[in-house]
Amino acid sequence: MQFQEGYHTYYIYIITNKAKTVLYTGVTNHLKIRLQQHKDNIEQRNKTFASKYQVCYLLYFEKFTWIQEAIAREKEIKGWRREKKMDLIKTINPDLEFLNYLFE
């Protein structure tokens, strides 16, 4: 993996639906905007995973400087079973609260 110079902020995030039955893992360079896009997709009934499963509630995120690291971490987490993802989420969010307010 080769790194480019520069400082930026990238996030991996895990969002869910209101009932917390679905987990979606993604990567973005602007979490506030991305969360709004997920919400808009639901409201507009777009044919996306987020819209189909009503997924827009933030449970977990990690911050990175390098996009390559963020993408690698996203792929790693996407390969996990639900139980392992839930254990990860509970390391920073033991009550599984929706964290969207942190980015409003």
PDB file of N, CA and C in Angstrom:
ATOM      1  N   MET A   1       0.849  -1.172   0.000  1.00  0.00           N
ATOM      2  CA  MET A   1       0.000   0.000   0.000  1.00  0.00           C
ATOM      3  C   MET A   1       0.894   1.233   0.000  1.00  0.00           C
ATOM      4  N   GLN A   2       0.641   2.159  -0.916  1.00  0.00           N
ATOM      5  CA  GLN A   2       1.451   3.368  -1.016  1.00  0.00           C
ATOM      6  C   GLN A   2       0.631   4.562  -0.529  1.00  0.00           C
ATOM      7  N   PHE A   3       1.256   5.420   0.271  1.00  0.00           N
ATOM      8  CA  PHE A   3       0.556   6.561   0.832  1.00  0.00           C
ATOM      9  C   PHE A   3       0.959   7.846   0.115  1.00  0.00           C
ATOM     10  N   GLN A   4      -0.024   8.711  -0.080  1.00  0.00           N
ATOM     11  CA  GLN A   4       0.246  10.011  -0.670  1.00  0.00           C
ATOM     12  C   GLN A   4       0.387  11.028   0.455  1.00  0.00           C
ATOM     13  N   GLU A   5       1.114  12.089   0.199  1.00  0.00           N
ATOM     14  CA  GLU A   5       1.279  13.114   1.204  1.00  0.00           C
ATOM     15  C   GLU A   5       0.009  13.944   1.328  1.00  0.00           C
ATOM     16  N   GLY A   6      -0.198  14.500   2.529  1.00  0.00           N
ATOM     17  CA  GLY A   6      -1.353  15.357   2.750  1.00  0.00           C
ATOM     18  C   GLY A   6      -2.143  14.900   3.961  1.00  0.00           C
ATOM     19  N   TYR A   7      -2.908  15.821   4.491  1.00  0.00           N
ATOM     20  CA  TYR A   7      -3.724  15.505   5.661  1.00  0.00           C
ATOM     21  C   TYR A   7      -5.179  15.752   5.344  1.00  0.00           C
ATOM     22  N   HIS A   8      -5.938  14.737   5.467  1.00  0.00           N
ATOM     23  CA  HIS A   8      -7.371  14.801   5.233  1.00  0.00           C
ATOM     24  C   HIS A   8      -8.051  13.976   6.313  1.00  0.00           C
ATOM     25  N   THR A   9      -9.340  14.022   6.343  1.00  0.00           N
ATOM     26  CA  THR A   9     -10.082  13.218   7.300  1.00  0.00           C
ATOM     27  C   THR A   9     -11.036  12.306   6.539  1.00  0.00           C
ATOM     28  N   TYR A  10     -10.955  11.047   6.846  1.00  0.00           N
ATOM     29  CA  TYR A  10     -11.847  10.036   6.275  1.00  0.00           C
ATOM     30  C   TYR A  10     -12.446   9.254   7.427  1.00  0.00           C
ATOM     31  N   TYR A  11     -13.630   8.744   7.213  1.00  0.00           N
ATOM     32  CA  TYR A  11     -14.318   7.986   8.242  1.00  0.00           C
ATOM     33  C   TYR A  11     -14.773   6.649   7.693  1.00  0.00           C
ATOM     34  N   ILE A  12     -14.720   5.645   8.532  1.00  0.00           N
ATOM     35  CA  ILE A  12     -15.532   4.448   8.285  1.00  0.00           C
ATOM     36  C   ILE A  12     -16.652   4.568   9.296  1.00  0.00           C
ATOM     37  N   TYR A  13     -17.806   4.067   8.926  1.00  0.00           N
ATOM     38  CA  TYR A  13     -18.956   4.220   9.807  1.00  0.00           C
ATOM     39  C   TYR A  13     -19.853   2.992   9.702  1.00  0.00           C
ATOM     40  N   ILE A  14     -20.595   2.768  10.763  1.00  0.00           N
ATOM     41  CA  ILE A  14     -21.607   1.713  10.767  1.00  0.00           C
ATOM     42  C   ILE A  14     -22.926   2.373  11.136  1.00  0.00           C
ATOM     43  N   ILE A  15     -23.913   2.187  10.262  1.00  0.00           N
ATOM     44  CA  ILE A  15     -25.248   2.721  10.515  1.00  0.00           C
ATOM     45  C   ILE A  15     -26.243   1.573  10.555  1.00  0.00           C
ATOM     46  N   THR A  16     -27.424   1.881  11.080  1.00  0.00           N
ATOM     47  CA  THR A  16     -28.456   0.869  11.255  1.00  0.00           C
ATOM     48  C   THR A  16     -29.826   1.484  11.003  1.00  0.00           C
ATOM     49  N   ASN A  17     -30.851   0.654  11.114  1.00  0.00           N
ATOM     50  CA  ASN A  17     -32.223   1.145  11.029  1.00  0.00           C
ATOM     51  C   ASN A  17     -32.741   1.379  12.457  1.00  0.00           C
ATOM     52  N   LYS A  18     -33.949   1.894  12.569  1.00  0.00           N
ATOM     53  CA  LYS A  18     -34.497   2.239  13.883  1.00  0.00           C
ATOM     54  C   LYS A  18     -34.566   1.030  14.813  1.00  0.00           C
ATOM     55  N   ALA A  19     -34.868  -0.143  14.271  1.00  0.00           N
ATOM     56  CA  ALA A  19     -34.985  -1.360  15.087  1.00  0.00           C
ATOM     57  C   ALA A  19     -33.628  -2.029  15.345  1.00  0.00           C
ATOM     58  N   LYS A  20     -32.588  -1.516  14.738  1.00  0.00           N
ATOM     59  CA  LYS A  20     -31.218  -2.033  14.888  1.00  0.00           C
ATOM     60  C   LYS A  20     -31.088  -3.482  14.397  1.00  0.00           C
ATOM     61  N   THR A  21     -31.803  -3.802  13.333  1.00  0.00           N
ATOM     62  CA  THR A  21     -31.773  -5.165  12.790  1.00  0.00           C
ATOM     63  C   THR A  21     -30.825  -5.299  11.605  1.00  0.00           C
ATOM     64  N   VAL A  22     -30.390  -4.167  11.038  1.00  0.00           N
ATOM     65  CA  VAL A  22     -29.529  -4.176   9.861  1.00  0.00           C
ATOM     66  C   VAL A  22     -28.298  -3.321  10.155  1.00  0.00           C
ATOM     67  N   LEU A  23     -27.128  -3.780   9.714  1.00  0.00           N
ATOM     68  CA  LEU A  23     -25.909  -2.989   9.845  1.00  0.00           C
ATOM     69  C   LEU A  23     -25.337  -2.718   8.459  1.00  0.00           C
ATOM     70  N   TYR A  24     -24.940  -1.473   8.228  1.00  0.00           N
ATOM     71  CA  TYR A  24     -24.329  -1.067   6.967  1.00  0.00           C
ATOM     72  C   TYR A  24     -23.002  -0.401   7.302  1.00  0.00           C
ATOM     73  N   THR A  25     -21.933  -0.815   6.646  1.00  0.00           N
ATOM     74  CA  THR A  25     -20.613  -0.237   6.858  1.00  0.00           C
ATOM     75  C   THR A  25     -20.203   0.521   5.607  1.00  0.00           C
ATOM     76  N   GLY A  26     -19.725   1.744   5.795  1.00  0.00           N
ATOM     77  CA  GLY A  26     -19.309   2.554   4.660  1.00  0.00           C
ATOM     78  C   GLY A  26     -18.083   3.381   4.980  1.00  0.00           C
ATOM     79  N   VAL A  27     -17.604   4.110   3.966  1.00  0.00           N
ATOM     80  CA  VAL A  27     -16.454   5.004   4.115  1.00  0.00           C
ATOM     81  C   VAL A  27     -16.804   6.327   3.436  1.00  0.00           C
ATOM     82  N   THR A  28     -16.336   7.431   4.011  1.00  0.00           N
ATOM     83  CA  THR A  28     -16.628   8.749   3.456  1.00  0.00           C
ATOM     84  C   THR A  28     -15.561   9.745   3.904  1.00  0.00           C
ATOM     85  N   ASN A  29     -15.505  10.866   3.214  1.00  0.00           N
ATOM     86  CA  ASN A  29     -14.609  11.929   3.653  1.00  0.00           C
ATOM     87  C   ASN A  29     -15.379  13.039   4.367  1.00  0.00           C
ATOM     88  N   HIS A  30     -16.697  12.921   4.439  1.00  0.00           N
ATOM     89  CA  HIS A  30     -17.502  13.933   5.134  1.00  0.00           C
ATOM     90  C   HIS A  30     -18.719  13.230   5.744  1.00  0.00           C
ATOM     91  N   LEU A  31     -18.595  12.838   6.994  1.00  0.00           N
ATOM     92  CA  LEU A  31     -19.623  11.999   7.620  1.00  0.00           C
ATOM     93  C   LEU A  31     -20.966  12.712   7.745  1.00  0.00           C
ATOM     94  N   LYS A  32     -20.960  13.992   8.070  1.00  0.00           N
ATOM     95  CA  LYS A  32     -22.222  14.730   8.200  1.00  0.00           C
ATOM     96  C   LYS A  32     -23.021  14.686   6.893  1.00  0.00           C
ATOM     97  N   ILE A  33     -22.356  14.971   5.792  1.00  0.00           N
ATOM     98  CA  ILE A  33     -23.032  14.967   4.491  1.00  0.00           C
ATOM     99  C   ILE A  33     -23.482  13.559   4.128  1.00  0.00           C
ATOM    100  N   ARG A  34     -22.654  12.566   4.387  1.00  0.00           N
ATOM    101  CA  ARG A  34     -22.997  11.181   4.032  1.00  0.00           C
ATOM    102  C   ARG A  34     -24.206  10.694   4.807  1.00  0.00           C
ATOM    103  N   LEU A  35     -24.280  11.025   6.089  1.00  0.00           N
ATOM    104  CA  LEU A  35     -25.448  10.634   6.881  1.00  0.00           C
ATOM    105  C   LEU A  35     -26.718  11.280   6.327  1.00  0.00           C
ATOM    106  N   GLN A  36     -26.617  12.536   5.913  1.00  0.00           N
ATOM    107  CA  GLN A  36     -27.767  13.217   5.315  1.00  0.00           C
ATOM    108  C   GLN A  36     -28.161  12.552   3.997  1.00  0.00           C
ATOM    109  N   GLN A  37     -27.176  12.129   3.214  1.00  0.00           N
ATOM    110  CA  GLN A  37     -27.478  11.439   1.950  1.00  0.00           C
ATOM    111  C   GLN A  37     -28.226  10.139   2.205  1.00  0.00           C
ATOM    112  N   HIS A  38     -27.828   9.392   3.214  1.00  0.00           N
ATOM    113  CA  HIS A  38     -28.550   8.159   3.549  1.00  0.00           C
ATOM    114  C   HIS A  38     -29.996   8.484   3.919  1.00  0.00           C
ATOM    115  N   LYS A  39     -30.173   9.516   4.727  1.00  0.00           N
ATOM    116  CA  LYS A  39     -31.526   9.918   5.137  1.00  0.00           C
ATOM    117  C   LYS A  39     -32.352  10.360   3.927  1.00  0.00           C
ATOM    118  N   ASP A  40     -31.744  11.148   3.043  1.00  0.00           N
ATOM    119  CA  ASP A  40     -32.442  11.606   1.838  1.00  0.00           C
ATOM    120  C   ASP A  40     -32.848  10.438   0.945  1.00  0.00           C
ATOM    121  N   ASN A  41     -31.991   9.440   0.824  1.00  0.00           N
ATOM    122  CA  ASN A  41     -32.321   8.265   0.009  1.00  0.00           C
ATOM    123  C   ASN A  41     -33.558   7.562   0.537  1.00  0.00           C
ATOM    124  N   ILE A  42     -33.696   7.519   1.852  1.00  0.00           N
ATOM    125  CA  ILE A  42     -34.880   6.892   2.461  1.00  0.00           C
ATOM    126  C   ILE A  42     -36.115   7.716   2.130  1.00  0.00           C
ATOM    127  N   GLU A  43     -36.027   9.031   2.352  1.00  0.00           N
ATOM    128  CA  GLU A  43     -37.180   9.911   2.130  1.00  0.00           C
ATOM    129  C   GLU A  43     -37.606   9.929   0.668  1.00  0.00           C
ATOM    130  N   GLN A  44     -36.649   9.834  -0.249  1.00  0.00           N
ATOM    131  CA  GLN A  44     -36.951   9.869  -1.675  1.00  0.00           C
ATOM    132  C   GLN A  44     -37.256   8.483  -2.237  1.00  0.00           C
ATOM    133  N   ARG A  45     -37.172   7.491  -1.367  1.00  0.00           N
ATOM    134  CA  ARG A  45     -37.429   6.101  -1.752  1.00  0.00           C
ATOM    135  C   ARG A  45     -36.545   5.659  -2.920  1.00  0.00           C
ATOM    136  N   ASN A  46     -35.300   6.105  -2.902  1.00  0.00           N
ATOM    137  CA  ASN A  46     -34.335   5.669  -3.920  1.00  0.00           C
ATOM    138  C   ASN A  46     -34.073   4.183  -3.754  1.00  0.00           C
ATOM    139  N   LYS A  47     -33.656   3.540  -4.803  1.00  0.00           N
ATOM    140  CA  LYS A  47     -33.424   2.093  -4.754  1.00  0.00           C
ATOM    141  C   LYS A  47     -32.000   1.808  -4.292  1.00  0.00           C
ATOM    142  N   THR A  48     -31.744   2.133  -3.047  1.00  0.00           N
ATOM    143  CA  THR A  48     -30.438   1.876  -2.444  1.00  0.00           C
ATOM    144  C   THR A  48     -30.633   0.952  -1.258  1.00  0.00           C
ATOM    145  N   PHE A  49     -29.549   0.380  -0.791  1.00  0.00           N
ATOM    146  CA  PHE A  49     -29.599  -0.463   0.403  1.00  0.00           C
ATOM    147  C   PHE A  49     -30.164   0.334   1.575  1.00  0.00           C
ATOM    148  N   ALA A  50     -29.686   1.565   1.744  1.00  0.00           N
ATOM    149  CA  ALA A  50     -30.141   2.405   2.858  1.00  0.00           C
ATOM    150  C   ALA A  50     -31.636   2.656   2.791  1.00  0.00           C
ATOM    151  N   SER A  51     -32.131   2.918   1.606  1.00  0.00           N
ATOM    152  CA  SER A  51     -33.558   3.177   1.443  1.00  0.00           C
ATOM    153  C   SER A  51     -34.388   1.926   1.703  1.00  0.00           C
ATOM    154  N   LYS A  52     -33.969   0.818   1.127  1.00  0.00           N
ATOM    155  CA  LYS A  52     -34.712  -0.433   1.274  1.00  0.00           C
ATOM    156  C   LYS A  52     -34.844  -0.851   2.734  1.00  0.00           C
ATOM    157  N   TYR A  53     -33.760  -0.697   3.490  1.00  0.00           N
ATOM    158  CA  TYR A  53     -33.753  -1.152   4.884  1.00  0.00           C
ATOM    159  C   TYR A  53     -33.863  -0.012   5.890  1.00  0.00           C
ATOM    160  N   GLN A  54     -34.140   1.209   5.414  1.00  0.00           N
ATOM    161  CA  GLN A  54     -34.328   2.379   6.286  1.00  0.00           C
ATOM    162  C   GLN A  54     -33.119   2.624   7.189  1.00  0.00           C
ATOM    163  N   VAL A  55     -31.930   2.561   6.612  1.00  0.00           N
ATOM    164  CA  VAL A  55     -30.674   2.629   7.360  1.00  0.00           C
ATOM    165  C   VAL A  55     -30.099   4.050   7.308  1.00  0.00           C
ATOM    166  N   CYS A  56     -30.063   4.734   8.465  1.00  0.00           N
ATOM    167  CA  CYS A  56     -29.473   6.076   8.517  1.00  0.00           C
ATOM    168  C   CYS A  56     -29.026   6.482   9.924  1.00  0.00           C
ATOM    169  N   TYR A  57     -29.046   5.565  10.870  1.00  0.00           N
ATOM    170  CA  TYR A  57     -28.723   5.886  12.257  1.00  0.00           C
ATOM    171  C   TYR A  57     -27.303   5.435  12.608  1.00  0.00           C
ATOM    172  N   LEU A  58     -26.467   6.385  12.956  1.00  0.00           N
ATOM    173  CA  LEU A  58     -25.057   6.134  13.222  1.00  0.00           C
ATOM    174  C   LEU A  58     -24.852   5.441  14.567  1.00  0.00           C
ATOM    175  N   LEU A  59     -24.149   4.305  14.530  1.00  0.00           N
ATOM    176  CA  LEU A  59     -23.802   3.579  15.748  1.00  0.00           C
ATOM    177  C   LEU A  59     -22.311   3.640  16.061  1.00  0.00           C
ATOM    178  N   TYR A  60     -21.482   3.788  15.021  1.00  0.00           N
ATOM    179  CA  TYR A  60     -20.034   3.648  15.205  1.00  0.00           C
ATOM    180  C   TYR A  60     -19.300   4.381  14.092  1.00  0.00           C
ATOM    181  N   PHE A  61     -18.128   4.932  14.422  1.00  0.00           N
ATOM    182  CA  PHE A  61     -17.266   5.511  13.393  1.00  0.00           C
ATOM    183  C   PHE A  61     -15.825   5.494  13.869  1.00  0.00           C
ATOM    184  N   GLU A  62     -14.933   5.512  12.903  1.00  0.00           N
ATOM    185  CA  GLU A  62     -13.500   5.657  13.144  1.00  0.00           C
ATOM    186  C   GLU A  62     -12.991   6.715  12.176  1.00  0.00           C
ATOM    187  N   LYS A  63     -11.970   7.442  12.598  1.00  0.00           N
ATOM    188  CA  LYS A  63     -11.409   8.533  11.821  1.00  0.00           C
ATOM    189  C   LYS A  63     -10.019   8.143  11.307  1.00  0.00           C
ATOM    190  N   PHE A  64      -9.706   8.523  10.065  1.00  0.00           N
ATOM    191  CA  PHE A  64      -8.427   8.213   9.441  1.00  0.00           C
ATOM    192  C   PHE A  64      -7.888   9.432   8.713  1.00  0.00           C
ATOM    193  N   THR A  65      -6.592   9.486   8.549  1.00  0.00           N
ATOM    194  CA  THR A  65      -5.952  10.529   7.750  1.00  0.00           C
ATOM    195  C   THR A  65      -5.760  10.061   6.315  1.00  0.00           C
ATOM    196  N   TRP A  66      -5.551   8.778   6.128  1.00  0.00           N
ATOM    197  CA  TRP A  66      -5.264   8.227   4.803  1.00  0.00           C
ATOM    198  C   TRP A  66      -6.450   7.421   4.293  1.00  0.00           C
ATOM    199  N   ILE A  67      -6.901   7.727   3.088  1.00  0.00           N
ATOM    200  CA  ILE A  67      -8.033   7.019   2.491  1.00  0.00           C
ATOM    201  C   ILE A  67      -7.743   5.529   2.338  1.00  0.00           C
ATOM    202  N   GLN A  68      -6.487   5.187   2.053  1.00  0.00           N
ATOM    203  CA  GLN A  68      -6.143   3.775   1.875  1.00  0.00           C
ATOM    204  C   GLN A  68      -6.396   2.984   3.158  1.00  0.00           C
ATOM    205  N   GLU A  69      -6.069   3.593   4.299  1.00  0.00           N
ATOM    206  CA  GLU A  69      -6.313   2.927   5.586  1.00  0.00           C
ATOM    207  C   GLU A  69      -7.807   2.797   5.859  1.00  0.00           C
ATOM    208  N   ALA A  70      -8.557   3.842   5.543  1.00  0.00           N
ATOM    209  CA  ALA A  70     -10.003   3.811   5.760  1.00  0.00           C
ATOM    210  C   ALA A  70     -10.656   2.725   4.911  1.00  0.00           C
ATOM    211  N   ILE A  71     -10.270   2.635   3.659  1.00  0.00           N
ATOM    212  CA  ILE A  71     -10.847   1.626   2.768  1.00  0.00           C
ATOM    213  C   ILE A  71     -10.476   0.227   3.237  1.00  0.00           C
ATOM    214  N   ALA A  72      -9.240   0.046   3.654  1.00  0.00           N
ATOM    215  CA  ALA A  72      -8.806  -1.268   4.148  1.00  0.00           C
ATOM    216  C   ALA A  72      -9.608  -1.657   5.397  1.00  0.00           C
ATOM    217  N   ARG A  73      -9.832  -0.706   6.278  1.00  0.00           N
ATOM    218  CA  ARG A  73     -10.595  -0.984   7.501  1.00  0.00           C
ATOM    219  C   ARG A  73     -12.057  -1.288   7.165  1.00  0.00           C
ATOM    220  N   GLU A  74     -12.627  -0.541   6.238  1.00  0.00           N
ATOM    221  CA  GLU A  74     -14.008  -0.792   5.816  1.00  0.00           C
ATOM    222  C   GLU A  74     -14.146  -2.225   5.291  1.00  0.00           C
ATOM    223  N   LYS A  75     -13.223  -2.628   4.429  1.00  0.00           N
ATOM    224  CA  LYS A  75     -13.270  -3.982   3.865  1.00  0.00           C
ATOM    225  C   LYS A  75     -13.116  -5.031   4.956  1.00  0.00           C
ATOM    226  N   GLU A  76     -12.233  -4.762   5.921  1.00  0.00           N
ATOM    227  CA  GLU A  76     -12.047  -5.701   7.025  1.00  0.00           C
ATOM    228  C   GLU A  76     -13.352  -5.887   7.798  1.00  0.00           C
ATOM    229  N   ILE A  77     -13.986  -4.782   8.174  1.00  0.00           N
ATOM    230  CA  ILE A  77     -15.220  -4.848   8.966  1.00  0.00           C
ATOM    231  C   ILE A  77     -16.349  -5.474   8.163  1.00  0.00           C
ATOM    232  N   LYS A  78     -16.443  -5.157   6.886  1.00  0.00           N
ATOM    233  CA  LYS A  78     -17.504  -5.744   6.055  1.00  0.00           C
ATOM    234  C   LYS A  78     -17.407  -7.267   5.998  1.00  0.00           C
ATOM    235  N   GLY A  79     -16.209  -7.801   6.188  1.00  0.00           N
ATOM    236  CA  GLY A  79     -16.029  -9.247   6.161  1.00  0.00           C
ATOM    237  C   GLY A  79     -16.388  -9.945   7.466  1.00  0.00           C
ATOM    238  N   TRP A  80     -16.705  -9.170   8.490  1.00  0.00           N
ATOM    239  CA  TRP A  80     -17.018  -9.753   9.795  1.00  0.00           C
ATOM    240  C   TRP A  80     -18.467 -10.197   9.894  1.00  0.00           C
ATOM    241  N   ARG A  81     -18.697 -11.124  10.809  1.00  0.00           N
ATOM    242  CA  ARG A  81     -20.066 -11.510  11.161  1.00  0.00           C
ATOM    243  C   ARG A  81     -20.693 -10.418  12.023  1.00  0.00           C
ATOM    244  N   ARG A  82     -21.994 -10.418  12.089  1.00  0.00           N
ATOM    245  CA  ARG A  82     -22.730  -9.405  12.851  1.00  0.00           C
ATOM    246  C   ARG A  82     -22.259  -9.330  14.303  1.00  0.00           C
ATOM    247  N   GLU A  83     -22.052 -10.470  14.929  1.00  0.00           N
ATOM    248  CA  GLU A  83     -21.669 -10.495  16.346  1.00  0.00           C
ATOM    249  C   GLU A  83     -20.355  -9.729  16.582  1.00  0.00           C
ATOM    250  N   LYS A  84     -19.403  -9.915  15.706  1.00  0.00           N
ATOM    251  CA  LYS A  84     -18.115  -9.227  15.840  1.00  0.00           C
ATOM    252  C   LYS A  84     -18.279  -7.724  15.609  1.00  0.00           C
ATOM    253  N   LYS A  85     -19.140  -7.346  14.663  1.00  0.00           N
ATOM    254  CA  LYS A  85     -19.414  -5.926  14.432  1.00  0.00           C
ATOM    255  C   LYS A  85     -20.068  -5.305  15.660  1.00  0.00           C
ATOM    256  N   MET A  86     -20.996  -6.028  16.273  1.00  0.00           N
ATOM    257  CA  MET A  86     -21.664  -5.523  17.471  1.00  0.00           C
ATOM    258  C   MET A  86     -20.674  -5.350  18.618  1.00  0.00           C
ATOM    259  N   ASP A  87     -19.749  -6.272  18.758  1.00  0.00           N
ATOM    260  CA  ASP A  87     -18.711  -6.143  19.788  1.00  0.00           C
ATOM    261  C   ASP A  87     -17.868  -4.893  19.547  1.00  0.00           C
ATOM    262  N   LEU A  88     -17.528  -4.626  18.289  1.00  0.00           N
ATOM    263  CA  LEU A  88     -16.766  -3.434  17.948  1.00  0.00           C
ATOM    264  C   LEU A  88     -17.559  -2.173  18.297  1.00  0.00           C
ATOM    265  N   ILE A  89     -18.808  -2.129  17.892  1.00  0.00           N
ATOM    266  CA  ILE A  89     -19.659  -0.967  18.166  1.00  0.00           C
ATOM    267  C   ILE A  89     -19.711  -0.693  19.667  1.00  0.00           C
ATOM    268  N   LYS A  90     -19.862  -1.748  20.454  1.00  0.00           N
ATOM    269  CA  LYS A  90     -19.995  -1.588  21.907  1.00  0.00           C
ATOM    270  C   LYS A  90     -18.724  -1.101  22.587  1.00  0.00           C
ATOM    271  N   THR A  91     -17.577  -1.132  21.886  1.00  0.00           N
ATOM    272  CA  THR A  91     -16.351  -0.599  22.489  1.00  0.00           C
ATOM    273  C   THR A  91     -16.439   0.915  22.682  1.00  0.00           C
ATOM    274  N   ILE A  92     -17.188   1.610  21.830  1.00  0.00           N
ATOM    275  CA  ILE A  92     -17.359   3.059  22.003  1.00  0.00           C
ATOM    276  C   ILE A  92     -18.807   3.450  22.277  1.00  0.00           C
ATOM    277  N   ASN A  93     -19.729   2.525  22.076  1.00  0.00           N
ATOM    278  CA  ASN A  93     -21.151   2.830  22.195  1.00  0.00           C
ATOM    279  C   ASN A  93     -21.877   1.653  22.845  1.00  0.00           C
ATOM    280  N   PRO A  94     -21.599   1.399  24.135  1.00  0.00           N
ATOM    281  CA  PRO A  94     -22.137   0.200  24.785  1.00  0.00           C
ATOM    282  C   PRO A  94     -23.663   0.126  24.845  1.00  0.00           C
ATOM    283  N   ASP A  95     -24.339   1.283  24.811  1.00  0.00           N
ATOM    284  CA  ASP A  95     -25.800   1.293  24.870  1.00  0.00           C
ATOM    285  C   ASP A  95     -26.453   1.355  23.493  1.00  0.00           C
ATOM    286  N   LEU A  96     -25.642   1.278  22.452  1.00  0.00           N
ATOM    287  CA  LEU A  96     -26.121   1.321  21.066  1.00  0.00           C
ATOM    288  C   LEU A  96     -27.002   2.536  20.791  1.00  0.00           C
ATOM    289  N   GLU A  97     -26.560   3.680  21.311  1.00  0.00           N
ATOM    290  CA  GLU A  97     -27.271   4.930  21.062  1.00  0.00           C
ATOM    291  C   GLU A  97     -27.011   5.401  19.637  1.00  0.00           C
ATOM    292  N   PHE A  98     -27.948   6.147  19.072  1.00  0.00           N
ATOM    293  CA  PHE A  98     -27.736   6.739  17.758  1.00  0.00           C
ATOM    294  C   PHE A  98     -26.843   7.963  17.950  1.00  0.00           C
ATOM    295  N   LEU A  99     -25.763   8.047  17.203  1.00  0.00           N
ATOM    296  CA  LEU A  99     -24.744   9.074  17.385  1.00  0.00           C
ATOM    297  C   LEU A  99     -24.825  10.192  16.351  1.00  0.00           C
ATOM    298  N   ASN A 100     -25.889  10.252  15.584  1.00  0.00           N
ATOM    299  CA  ASN A 100     -26.024  11.255  14.522  1.00  0.00           C
ATOM    300  C   ASN A 100     -25.848  12.674  15.060  1.00  0.00           C
ATOM    301  N   TYR A 101     -26.291  12.925  16.279  1.00  0.00           N
ATOM    302  CA  TYR A 101     -26.230  14.267  16.860  1.00  0.00           C
ATOM    303  C   TYR A 101     -24.794  14.808  16.910  1.00  0.00           C
ATOM    304  N   LEU A 102     -23.798  13.914  16.902  1.00  0.00           N
ATOM    305  CA  LEU A 102     -22.404  14.360  16.931  1.00  0.00           C
ATOM    306  C   LEU A 102     -21.988  15.071  15.646  1.00  0.00           C
ATOM    307  N   PHE A 103     -22.784  14.885  14.581  1.00  0.00           N
ATOM    308  CA  PHE A 103     -22.424  15.426  13.272  1.00  0.00           C
ATOM    309  C   PHE A 103     -23.514  16.348  12.723  1.00  0.00           C
ATOM    310  N   GLU A 104     -24.312  16.897  13.594  1.00  0.00           N
ATOM    311  CA  GLU A 104     -25.369  17.809  13.125  1.00  0.00           C
ATOM    312  C   GLU A 104     -24.918  19.243  13.166  1.00  0.00           C
TER     313      GLU A 104
END
